[in-house]
Amino acid sequence: MDTSTAHVIPSPFSISPHALNLRLGRSDAPLVLDVRREEKFAQSARFVATAQRCKPEDVSAFATSQPPR
């Protein structure tokens, strides 16, 4: 199945890499969580500068401890 022309429906919970880059460092920057497991994080040279690290199993607790955005 060719999905190269498939249309993506925007979601209020997603952002394009370009739009994210434009908002980093601004007051309206989204909260970005890096939920990669430790071994994958250690193996990668890539990261989002403002991302907060959070273990995948701790996402729910992290979300309830943060003020609404």
C-alpha atoms as a PDB file:
ATOM      1  CA  MET A   1       0.000   0.000   0.000  1.00  0.00           C
ATOM      2  CA  ASP A   2       1.427   3.354  -1.043  1.00  0.00           C
ATOM      3  CA  THR A   3       1.106   5.838   1.825  1.00  0.00           C
ATOM      4  CA  SER A   4       3.317   8.539   0.327  1.00  0.00           C
ATOM      5  CA  THR A   5       0.284  10.659  -0.543  1.00  0.00           C
ATOM      6  CA  ALA A   6      -1.730   9.871   2.578  1.00  0.00           C
ATOM      7  CA  HIS A   7      -3.050  12.890   4.421  1.00  0.00           C
ATOM      8  CA  VAL A   8      -2.234  13.225   8.085  1.00  0.00           C
ATOM      9  CA  ILE A   9      -4.955  14.655  10.271  1.00  0.00           C
ATOM     10  CA  PRO A  10      -3.431  17.166  12.706  1.00  0.00           C
ATOM     11  CA  SER A  11      -3.742  16.336  16.375  1.00  0.00           C
ATOM     12  CA  PRO A  12      -3.716  18.769  19.302  1.00  0.00           C
ATOM     13  CA  PHE A  13      -1.158  16.401  20.856  1.00  0.00           C
ATOM     14  CA  SER A  14       1.382  16.464  18.029  1.00  0.00           C
ATOM     15  CA  ILE A  15       3.666  19.045  16.512  1.00  0.00           C
ATOM     16  CA  SER A  16       5.889  18.978  13.465  1.00  0.00           C
ATOM     17  CA  PRO A  17       9.657  19.111  13.982  1.00  0.00           C
ATOM     18  CA  HIS A  18       9.732  22.504  12.246  1.00  0.00           C
ATOM     19  CA  ALA A  19       6.981  23.972  14.450  1.00  0.00           C
ATOM     20  CA  LEU A  20       8.665  22.571  17.571  1.00  0.00           C
ATOM     21  CA  ASN A  21      11.982  24.127  16.600  1.00  0.00           C
ATOM     22  CA  LEU A  22      10.318  27.518  16.138  1.00  0.00           C
ATOM     23  CA  ARG A  23       8.768  27.377  19.628  1.00  0.00           C
ATOM     24  CA  LEU A  24      11.748  26.117  21.642  1.00  0.00           C
ATOM     25  CA  GLY A  25      12.916  28.723  24.130  1.00  0.00           C
ATOM     26  CA  ARG A  26       9.657  30.677  23.961  1.00  0.00           C
ATOM     27  CA  SER A  27       7.036  30.997  26.686  1.00  0.00           C
ATOM     28  CA  ASP A  28       4.593  28.901  24.639  1.00  0.00           C
ATOM     29  CA  ALA A  29       7.068  26.045  24.097  1.00  0.00           C
ATOM     30  CA  PRO A  30       5.423  22.669  24.612  1.00  0.00           C
ATOM     31  CA  LEU A  31       6.553  20.320  27.335  1.00  0.00           C
ATOM     32  CA  VAL A  32       8.675  17.632  25.685  1.00  0.00           C
ATOM     33  CA  LEU A  33       9.380  14.381  27.505  1.00  0.00           C
ATOM     34  CA  ASP A  34      12.186  12.079  26.449  1.00  0.00           C
ATOM     35  CA  VAL A  35      10.827   8.687  27.432  1.00  0.00           C
ATOM     36  CA  ARG A  36      13.483   6.529  25.805  1.00  0.00           C
ATOM     37  CA  ARG A  37      14.778   3.723  27.958  1.00  0.00           C
ATOM     38  CA  GLU A  38      18.208   4.423  29.464  1.00  0.00           C
ATOM     39  CA  GLU A  39      20.158   2.141  27.105  1.00  0.00           C
ATOM     40  CA  LYS A  40      18.588   3.734  23.997  1.00  0.00           C
ATOM     41  CA  PHE A  41      19.173   7.221  25.376  1.00  0.00           C
ATOM     42  CA  ALA A  42      22.833   6.408  26.068  1.00  0.00           C
ATOM     43  CA  GLN A  43      23.315   5.006  22.545  1.00  0.00           C
ATOM     44  CA  SER A  44      21.891   8.058  20.782  1.00  0.00           C
ATOM     45  CA  ALA A  45      23.641  11.284  19.897  1.00  0.00           C
ATOM     46  CA  ARG A  46      20.267  12.950  19.249  1.00  0.00           C
ATOM     47  CA  PHE A  47      18.143  14.813  21.745  1.00  0.00           C
ATOM     48  CA  VAL A  48      15.816  17.796  22.067  1.00  0.00           C
ATOM     49  CA  ALA A  49      17.626  20.427  24.105  1.00  0.00           C
ATOM     50  CA  THR A  50      14.643  21.309  26.314  1.00  0.00           C
ATOM     51  CA  ALA A  51      13.269  17.777  26.747  1.00  0.00           C
ATOM     52  CA  GLN A  52      12.861  16.454  30.253  1.00  0.00           C
ATOM     53  CA  ARG A  53      13.889  12.853  30.878  1.00  0.00           C
ATOM     54  CA  CYS A  54      11.203  10.568  32.217  1.00  0.00           C
ATOM     55  CA  LYS A  55      11.127   6.795  32.425  1.00  0.00           C
ATOM     56  CA  PRO A  56       8.243   5.389  30.369  1.00  0.00           C
ATOM     57  CA  GLU A  57       6.763   3.771  33.468  1.00  0.00           C
ATOM     58  CA  ASP A  58       6.810   7.143  35.295  1.00  0.00           C
ATOM     59  CA  VAL A  59       4.908   9.206  32.700  1.00  0.00           C
ATOM     60  CA  SER A  60       1.577   8.982  34.525  1.00  0.00           C
ATOM     61  CA  ALA A  61       3.094  10.119  37.833  1.00  0.00           C
ATOM     62  CA  PHE A  62       5.006  12.892  36.060  1.00  0.00           C
ATOM     63  CA  ALA A  63       1.824  14.132  34.362  1.00  0.00           C
ATOM     64  CA  THR A  64      -0.120  14.330  37.615  1.00  0.00           C
ATOM     65  CA  SER A  65       2.726  16.199  39.346  1.00  0.00           C
ATOM     66  CA  GLN A  66       2.821  18.995  36.756  1.00  0.00           C
ATOM     67  CA  PRO A  67       0.569  22.049  36.509  1.00  0.00           C
ATOM     68  CA  PRO A  68      -1.732  22.159  33.463  1.00  0.00           C
ATOM     69  CA  ARG A  69      -0.239  23.692  30.325  1.00  0.00           C
END
